[in-house]
Amino acid sequence: MDFQQQCLHYCNFVQTLTGTHCTLIRIPDGSFCSEPFRTVCDNYQCNASHTHLYGAYEAERWDGKYIYYCPRGLVFIATMVHDPDNQGDLCMITGPIVMANSLDDPYEDNILSLENVEGIPRMTTQQTRALSELLRAAVGYLSQEDRAPNVDSGRQAQLLNTMYDLYSSAEAAEYPIDSERQLQQSIRAGDKEGSQRLLNVLLSGLYLACGNDLAKIKQHVHSLLVLMSRAAIDGGADVNDIFRLSQSYEPEIEKLRNLEELNRWLSMVLHRFINFVFDFNDIKHHNVIYQTTAYIKENLAEKLTLEDAAEHVSLSKSYFCRVLKDELGYTFTEYVNHLRVERAKLYLRDSTMSIADIAYAVGFDDQSYFTRIFKKLTNVSPGQYRKSKK
């Protein structure tokens, strides 16, 4: 399938998802790769090639996307698609759309006639802007070679699908906060596909809630970055590795110029975090190790015993000990101490809690014992660790 066919295939997908007509126009000669929308244009002086070339030229000027009116007053979205083989640039033309100021407004005043508009999608101005941003982000994957790891055009199609489901619902403007918790669970489990799907939900909700306000979206992305990093740590990633990545990523957010760049960048960050998560799938007894790790983390502040942990995963003590040693190289006590020290690192970095309080919070009854174990595993005392991370 050549590049133009790929683009047309993608146009069909956009049309199927949104119900909005979608085609391609060749910018060099103004010809269409497939038929433009003509159903309601018969009684209006409109040359489709001229109208949509105008949109394409404006899209070239305005960062690859442009929303415009046709002579009748219907709305179209022009989205640039750069051919990597340099066979001539194309522009995706999505529309018509009947655009309203809000869901309470029947139609925009710009429309010259309400005849023959049945079946044309209606969107608010906010939804139209969100669709234009999502289209721009998605078609970028058709023409750019520098792609985020494991993020292909199929996943960008999922992003469009998710966005359409959201703006079609009555709760389109509500940010899907429950998906944040689900994303954390998915990252902890090292589930790349599930995590990407949930990130799509969050990004779609974020775009729809914030409209075209990139600064406001970036504020939310900072919080999302913290959420993702903490989930990776809970999934077994090393605290130092994740915080080192996070510190390098924070200033990068401010350099992002548009939602396409933000979408690609955040997907890349997600997959890098997950790559640091402990991969239970490579372990013979992965289900046992996963359940054990989750059980310990949920009960870190409590008294943990070998007997209770073995019972939790339905194994005898002797067999359970052998599984831990063979798969992780730890005894039960060593593994508990390892997870407690990793949690303590978070408190030392991000809180003003005293070292004694941190020791108790992660399950040590004695501060001196906590200090001894911490230094044994990290080669520095808790106080030295805290100072080095300020």
Protein backbone atom coordinates (compact mmCIF):
# COMPACT_ATOMS: atom_id res chain seq x y z
CA MET A 1 0.00 0.00 0.00
CA ASP A 2 1.57 3.31 -1.08
CA PHE A 3 1.46 6.46 1.00
CA GLN A 4 -1.60 7.96 -0.68
CA GLN A 5 -3.55 4.74 -0.22
CA GLN A 6 -2.57 4.70 3.45
CA CYS A 7 -3.91 8.23 3.80
CA LEU A 8 -7.18 7.35 2.08
CA HIS A 9 -7.52 4.31 4.30
CA TYR A 10 -7.08 6.62 7.26
CA CYS A 11 -9.69 9.02 5.84
CA ASN A 12 -12.16 6.15 5.72
CA PHE A 13 -11.39 5.38 9.32
CA VAL A 14 -11.97 9.00 10.41
CA GLN A 15 -15.26 9.01 8.49
CA THR A 16 -16.37 5.75 10.11
CA LEU A 17 -15.52 7.00 13.60
CA THR A 18 -16.99 10.48 13.41
CA GLY A 19 -19.58 10.32 10.63
CA THR A 20 -17.81 13.30 9.07
CA HIS A 21 -16.82 13.12 5.42
CA CYS A 22 -13.06 12.96 4.93
CA THR A 23 -10.99 13.16 1.75
CA LEU A 24 -7.56 14.21 0.47
CA ILE A 25 -6.64 17.07 -1.82
CA ARG A 26 -3.33 17.24 -3.70
CA ILE A 27 -1.92 20.69 -3.05
CA PRO A 28 0.24 21.00 -6.22
CA ASP A 29 -2.71 20.74 -8.63
CA GLY A 30 -5.82 21.03 -6.45
CA SER A 31 -7.18 17.62 -7.46
CA PHE A 32 -8.91 15.26 -5.06
CA CYS A 33 -7.73 11.72 -4.31
CA SER A 34 -11.34 10.80 -3.60
CA GLU A 35 -14.61 12.64 -4.13
CA PRO A 36 -15.16 15.79 -2.03
CA PHE A 37 -18.42 16.34 -0.19
CA ARG A 38 -20.95 17.77 -2.70
CA THR A 39 -24.40 16.78 -1.41
CA VAL A 40 -25.51 20.20 -0.20
CA CYS A 41 -23.49 22.37 -2.59
CA ASP A 42 -25.61 22.27 -5.77
CA ASN A 43 -27.36 25.60 -5.24
CA TYR A 44 -24.32 27.53 -4.04
CA GLN A 45 -21.49 29.09 -5.99
CA CYS A 46 -18.65 26.98 -4.67
CA ASN A 47 -15.65 25.54 -6.46
CA ALA A 48 -14.60 22.67 -4.18
CA SER A 49 -11.02 22.76 -5.37
CA HIS A 50 -10.63 26.48 -4.71
CA THR A 51 -12.44 26.36 -1.36
CA HIS A 52 -10.39 23.50 0.04
CA LEU A 53 -7.08 24.60 -1.46
CA TYR A 54 -7.61 27.79 0.52
CA GLY A 55 -7.99 25.67 3.65
CA ALA A 56 -4.87 23.68 2.75
CA TYR A 57 -2.78 26.81 2.20
CA GLU A 58 -3.91 28.22 5.52
CA ALA A 59 -3.13 24.92 7.23
CA GLU A 60 0.42 25.18 5.88
CA ARG A 61 0.70 28.62 7.47
CA TRP A 62 -0.89 27.69 10.81
CA ASP A 63 1.09 24.71 12.11
CA GLY A 64 -0.54 22.09 9.92
CA LYS A 65 -4.22 22.58 10.71
CA TYR A 66 -6.93 25.11 9.93
CA ILE A 67 -10.66 25.40 10.59
CA TYR A 68 -12.63 27.35 7.96
CA TYR A 69 -16.07 27.98 6.48
CA CYS A 70 -17.20 27.06 2.99
CA PRO A 71 -19.31 29.61 1.03
CA ARG A 72 -22.50 28.14 2.50
CA GLY A 73 -21.23 28.53 6.08
CA LEU A 74 -20.49 24.89 6.90
CA VAL A 75 -17.25 24.13 8.71
CA PHE A 76 -14.29 22.11 7.43
CA ILE A 77 -10.96 21.12 8.97
CA ALA A 78 -7.82 21.07 6.83
CA THR A 79 -4.94 18.94 8.15
CA MET A 80 -1.59 18.79 6.40
CA VAL A 81 -0.09 15.40 5.56
CA HIS A 82 3.54 15.53 4.42
CA ASP A 83 4.56 12.76 2.04
CA PRO A 84 7.84 11.26 3.33
CA ASP A 85 8.70 10.28 -0.27
CA ASN A 86 8.35 13.90 -1.43
CA GLN A 87 5.76 13.08 -4.05
CA GLY A 88 3.81 16.25 -3.27
CA ASP A 89 2.05 17.30 -0.11
CA LEU A 90 -1.50 16.26 0.60
CA CYS A 91 -4.12 17.82 2.82
CA MET A 92 -6.85 15.94 4.65
CA ILE A 93 -10.20 17.73 4.35
CA THR A 94 -12.66 16.76 7.09
CA GLY A 95 -16.20 18.11 6.90
CA PRO A 96 -18.74 19.51 6.57
CA ILE A 97 -19.64 20.09 10.21
CA VAL A 98 -22.57 22.09 11.51
CA MET A 99 -20.83 24.03 14.27
CA ALA A 100 -22.76 25.49 17.21
CA ASN A 101 -21.51 27.79 19.93
CA SER A 102 -22.92 25.37 22.48
CA LEU A 103 -25.20 22.35 22.62
CA ASP A 104 -28.08 24.74 23.37
CA ASP A 105 -27.66 26.61 20.08
CA PRO A 106 -29.48 24.89 17.19
CA TYR A 107 -27.10 26.13 14.46
CA GLU A 108 -24.51 28.77 13.77
CA ASP A 109 -25.75 31.96 12.13
CA ASN A 110 -23.16 31.57 9.35
CA ILE A 111 -25.20 28.84 7.62
CA LEU A 112 -27.14 30.35 4.72
CA SER A 113 -29.81 27.65 4.71
CA LEU A 114 -30.87 24.80 6.99
CA GLU A 115 -31.94 22.66 4.01
CA ASN A 116 -30.20 19.34 3.39
CA VAL A 117 -28.11 19.38 6.55
CA GLU A 118 -29.68 16.26 8.00
CA GLY A 119 -26.99 13.70 8.75
CA ILE A 120 -24.17 16.26 8.88
CA PRO A 121 -22.47 15.99 12.28
CA ARG A 122 -23.13 18.79 14.78
CA MET A 123 -20.33 19.85 17.09
CA THR A 124 -19.71 22.68 19.50
CA THR A 125 -16.82 25.03 18.80
CA GLN A 126 -14.87 23.31 21.58
CA GLN A 127 -15.46 19.88 20.07
CA THR A 128 -14.45 21.09 16.62
CA ARG A 129 -11.18 22.49 17.95
CA ALA A 130 -10.55 19.25 19.82
CA LEU A 131 -11.18 17.22 16.68
CA SER A 132 -8.76 19.41 14.71
CA GLU A 133 -6.05 18.88 17.33
CA LEU A 134 -6.60 15.13 17.42
CA LEU A 135 -6.50 14.91 13.63
CA ARG A 136 -3.27 16.89 13.56
CA ALA A 137 -1.72 14.64 16.19
CA ALA A 138 -2.87 11.48 14.45
CA VAL A 139 -1.83 12.23 10.85
CA GLY A 140 1.61 13.20 12.10
CA TYR A 141 2.29 9.50 12.50
CA LEU A 142 1.61 8.94 8.82
CA SER A 143 4.39 11.26 7.73
CA GLN A 144 7.00 11.43 10.48
CA GLU A 145 9.69 8.81 10.89
CA ASP A 146 10.64 9.78 14.45
CA ARG A 147 7.94 7.91 16.28
CA ALA A 148 7.50 7.01 19.91
CA PRO A 149 8.40 3.40 20.75
CA ASN A 150 5.56 0.99 20.12
CA VAL A 151 3.15 3.80 19.18
CA ASP A 152 1.89 3.26 15.66
CA SER A 153 -0.89 4.72 13.58
CA GLY A 154 -3.24 2.05 14.90
CA ARG A 155 -2.88 3.47 18.37
CA GLN A 156 -3.48 6.96 17.06
CA ALA A 157 -6.65 5.62 15.51
CA GLN A 158 -7.60 4.41 18.98
CA LEU A 159 -7.00 7.95 20.21
CA LEU A 160 -9.47 9.31 17.65
CA ASN A 161 -11.96 6.60 18.56
CA THR A 162 -11.67 7.44 22.24
CA MET A 163 -12.04 11.15 21.57
CA TYR A 164 -15.17 10.60 19.49
CA ASP A 165 -16.75 8.43 22.19
CA LEU A 166 -16.11 11.19 24.71
CA TYR A 167 -17.44 14.14 22.75
CA SER A 168 -20.47 12.09 21.66
CA SER A 169 -21.48 11.54 25.28
CA ALA A 170 -23.38 13.84 27.58
CA GLU A 171 -20.33 13.99 29.86
CA ALA A 172 -17.92 15.08 27.14
CA ALA A 173 -16.49 17.96 29.14
CA GLU A 174 -15.77 15.89 32.27
CA TYR A 175 -12.20 14.74 32.77
CA PRO A 176 -12.16 10.91 33.19
CA ILE A 177 -10.55 10.84 36.65
CA ASP A 178 -11.28 7.12 37.13
CA SER A 179 -9.02 6.38 34.17
CA GLU A 180 -6.07 7.81 36.10
CA ARG A 181 -6.39 5.07 38.71
CA GLN A 182 -6.78 2.45 36.01
CA LEU A 183 -3.69 3.80 34.24
CA GLN A 184 -1.69 3.45 37.44
CA GLN A 185 -2.78 -0.16 37.79
CA SER A 186 -1.92 -0.88 34.18
CA ILE A 187 1.56 0.68 34.48
CA ARG A 188 2.24 -1.27 37.67
CA ALA A 189 1.43 -4.46 35.79
CA GLY A 190 3.72 -3.49 32.88
CA ASP A 191 0.78 -3.60 30.45
CA LYS A 192 1.87 -1.41 27.52
CA GLU A 193 -1.23 -1.88 25.39
CA GLY A 194 -3.63 -1.25 28.26
CA SER A 195 -1.62 1.73 29.45
CA GLN A 196 -1.60 3.31 25.97
CA ARG A 197 -5.35 2.84 25.69
CA LEU A 198 -5.93 4.52 29.06
CA LEU A 199 -3.51 7.32 28.21
CA ASN A 200 -5.59 7.91 25.08
CA VAL A 201 -8.69 8.23 27.25
CA LEU A 202 -6.98 10.74 29.52
CA LEU A 203 -5.52 12.79 26.67
CA SER A 204 -8.84 12.86 24.86
CA GLY A 205 -10.64 13.98 27.99
CA LEU A 206 -7.96 16.55 28.65
CA TYR A 207 -8.16 18.01 25.13
CA LEU A 208 -11.93 18.23 25.31
CA ALA A 209 -11.94 19.75 28.80
CA CYS A 210 -9.23 22.33 28.04
CA GLY A 211 -10.15 23.12 24.44
CA ASN A 212 -7.19 24.67 22.64
CA ASP A 213 -5.41 26.01 25.74
CA LEU A 214 -1.96 24.40 25.46
CA ALA A 215 -0.70 26.07 28.66
CA LYS A 216 -3.59 24.67 30.65
CA ILE A 217 -3.06 21.21 29.16
CA LYS A 218 0.63 21.32 30.11
CA GLN A 219 -0.32 21.99 33.73
CA HIS A 220 -2.32 18.77 33.74
CA VAL A 221 0.50 16.91 32.01
CA HIS A 222 2.87 17.75 34.86
CA SER A 223 0.46 16.00 37.23
CA LEU A 224 0.06 13.09 34.83
CA LEU A 225 3.83 12.70 34.71
CA VAL A 226 3.95 12.37 38.50
CA LEU A 227 1.14 9.82 38.41
CA MET A 228 2.92 7.72 35.80
CA SER A 229 6.28 7.85 37.56
CA ARG A 230 4.80 6.76 40.91
CA ALA A 231 2.97 3.88 39.24
CA ALA A 232 6.21 2.72 37.61
CA ILE A 233 7.94 2.75 40.98
CA ASP A 234 5.09 0.76 42.52
CA GLY A 235 5.48 -1.70 39.66
CA GLY A 236 9.07 -2.43 40.63
CA ALA A 237 11.02 0.27 38.80
CA ASP A 238 14.03 1.65 40.62
CA VAL A 239 13.26 4.94 42.37
CA ASN A 240 16.51 6.57 41.28
CA ASP A 241 16.00 5.62 37.63
CA ILE A 242 12.45 6.97 37.55
CA PHE A 243 13.27 10.23 39.32
CA ARG A 244 16.25 10.79 37.06
CA LEU A 245 13.96 10.41 34.05
CA SER A 246 11.28 12.62 35.60
CA GLN A 247 13.74 15.42 36.33
CA SER A 248 14.91 15.40 32.72
CA TYR A 249 11.33 15.36 31.41
CA GLU A 250 9.94 18.28 33.40
CA PRO A 251 11.73 21.03 31.39
CA GLU A 252 10.92 19.23 28.13
CA ILE A 253 7.20 19.81 28.66
CA GLU A 254 7.65 23.56 28.29
CA LYS A 255 9.38 23.12 24.94
CA LEU A 256 6.41 21.33 23.35
CA ARG A 257 4.84 23.60 20.75
CA ASN A 258 1.54 21.88 19.97
CA LEU A 259 -0.68 18.95 20.91
CA GLU A 260 0.81 16.67 18.27
CA GLU A 261 4.26 17.01 19.85
CA LEU A 262 2.79 16.64 23.32
CA ASN A 263 0.93 13.46 22.36
CA ARG A 264 3.99 11.83 20.81
CA TRP A 265 6.24 12.89 23.67
CA LEU A 266 3.92 11.69 26.44
CA SER A 267 3.45 8.31 24.75
CA MET A 268 7.23 7.96 24.57
CA VAL A 269 7.54 8.80 28.27
CA LEU A 270 4.85 6.26 29.14
CA HIS A 271 6.65 3.45 27.35
CA ARG A 272 9.99 4.36 28.89
CA PHE A 273 8.50 4.26 32.36
CA ILE A 274 6.91 0.88 31.67
CA ASN A 275 10.22 -0.48 30.37
CA PHE A 276 11.61 0.08 33.88
CA VAL A 277 8.76 -1.84 35.50
CA PHE A 278 9.66 -5.32 36.66
CA ASP A 279 8.60 -7.74 33.91
CA PHE A 280 6.76 -10.55 35.65
CA ASN A 281 6.02 -12.25 32.34
CA ASP A 282 9.60 -13.46 32.09
CA ILE A 283 9.25 -15.32 35.38
CA LYS A 284 8.08 -18.89 35.58
CA HIS A 285 5.94 -18.22 38.64
CA HIS A 286 4.97 -14.71 37.55
CA ASN A 287 1.50 -14.85 39.09
CA VAL A 288 2.91 -15.80 42.50
CA ILE A 289 5.56 -13.05 42.37
CA TYR A 290 3.05 -10.45 41.21
CA GLN A 291 0.58 -11.33 43.98
CA THR A 292 3.37 -11.38 46.57
CA THR A 293 4.68 -7.97 45.51
CA ALA A 294 1.20 -6.44 45.55
CA TYR A 295 0.48 -7.96 48.97
CA ILE A 296 3.71 -6.63 50.49
CA LYS A 297 3.24 -3.13 49.05
CA GLU A 298 -0.32 -2.93 50.31
CA ASN A 299 0.78 -3.92 53.81
CA LEU A 300 4.23 -2.34 54.11
CA ALA A 301 3.40 -0.48 57.30
CA GLU A 302 2.06 -3.64 58.93
CA LYS A 303 3.82 -6.61 60.45
CA LEU A 304 4.51 -8.97 57.55
CA THR A 305 5.18 -12.64 58.14
CA LEU A 306 6.31 -15.42 55.87
CA GLU A 307 3.35 -17.51 56.99
CA ASP A 308 0.76 -14.86 56.03
CA ALA A 309 2.38 -14.16 52.66
CA ALA A 310 2.58 -17.86 51.76
CA GLU A 311 -1.04 -18.31 52.75
CA HIS A 312 -2.01 -15.29 50.63
CA VAL A 313 -0.64 -16.97 47.48
CA SER A 314 -1.82 -20.45 48.57
CA LEU A 315 1.63 -22.07 48.82
CA SER A 316 3.45 -23.90 51.56
CA LYS A 317 6.14 -21.91 53.38
CA SER A 318 8.98 -24.05 52.07
CA TYR A 319 7.85 -23.94 48.44
CA PHE A 320 7.09 -20.23 48.67
CA CYS A 321 10.61 -19.53 49.98
CA ARG A 322 12.11 -21.55 47.14
CA VAL A 323 10.10 -19.64 44.53
CA LEU A 324 11.24 -16.28 45.90
CA LYS A 325 14.88 -17.33 46.04
CA ASP A 326 14.88 -18.93 42.59
CA GLU A 327 12.96 -16.17 40.82
CA LEU A 328 14.14 -13.02 42.63
CA GLY A 329 17.30 -14.05 44.45
CA TYR A 330 15.81 -12.84 47.75
CA THR A 331 14.61 -14.46 50.92
CA PHE A 332 11.20 -13.26 52.08
CA THR A 333 12.71 -10.88 54.65
CA GLU A 334 15.22 -9.52 52.14
CA TYR A 335 12.48 -8.83 49.60
CA VAL A 336 10.29 -7.07 52.19
CA ASN A 337 13.24 -4.91 53.26
CA HIS A 338 14.02 -4.10 49.62
CA LEU A 339 10.47 -2.85 48.98
CA ARG A 340 10.40 -0.94 52.27
CA VAL A 341 13.63 0.87 51.44
CA GLU A 342 12.30 1.79 47.97
CA ARG A 343 9.17 3.27 49.55
CA ALA A 344 11.30 5.09 52.13
CA LYS A 345 13.23 6.76 49.30
CA LEU A 346 10.00 8.39 48.12
CA TYR A 347 9.30 9.79 51.57
CA LEU A 348 12.86 11.05 51.94
CA ARG A 349 12.65 12.86 48.60
CA ASP A 350 9.18 14.31 48.77
CA SER A 351 8.25 14.87 52.40
CA THR A 352 9.43 16.66 55.52
CA MET A 353 8.69 13.63 57.70
CA SER A 354 11.34 12.81 60.24
CA ILE A 355 13.47 9.74 59.63
CA ALA A 356 11.86 8.07 62.64
CA ASP A 357 8.36 8.67 61.21
CA ILE A 358 9.46 7.35 57.82
CA ALA A 359 10.87 4.22 59.45
CA TYR A 360 7.51 3.52 61.10
CA ALA A 361 5.55 4.43 57.94
CA VAL A 362 7.33 1.74 55.92
CA GLY A 363 7.08 -0.94 58.57
CA PHE A 364 10.24 -0.73 60.70
CA ASP A 365 9.66 -0.76 64.47
CA ASP A 366 13.10 0.66 65.22
CA GLN A 367 14.79 3.68 63.59
CA SER A 368 18.29 2.35 64.13
CA TYR A 369 17.40 -0.94 62.45
CA PHE A 370 15.84 0.98 59.56
CA THR A 371 19.00 3.07 59.20
CA ARG A 372 21.18 -0.05 59.23
CA ILE A 373 19.08 -1.81 56.53
CA PHE A 374 18.83 1.36 54.43
CA LYS A 375 22.60 1.87 54.48
CA LYS A 376 23.22 -1.80 53.71
CA LEU A 377 21.07 -1.61 50.56
CA THR A 378 22.01 1.88 49.34
CA ASN A 379 25.51 2.47 50.82
CA VAL A 380 24.31 5.75 52.37
CA SER A 381 22.31 6.62 55.47
CA PRO A 382 18.73 7.92 55.14
CA GLY A 383 19.92 11.40 56.12
CA GLN A 384 22.68 11.41 53.50
CA TYR A 385 20.25 10.17 50.87
CA ARG A 386 17.80 12.98 51.68
CA LYS A 387 20.52 15.64 51.44
CA SER A 388 21.80 14.31 48.11
CA LYS A 389 18.33 14.58 46.53
CA LYS A 390 17.56 18.14 47.56
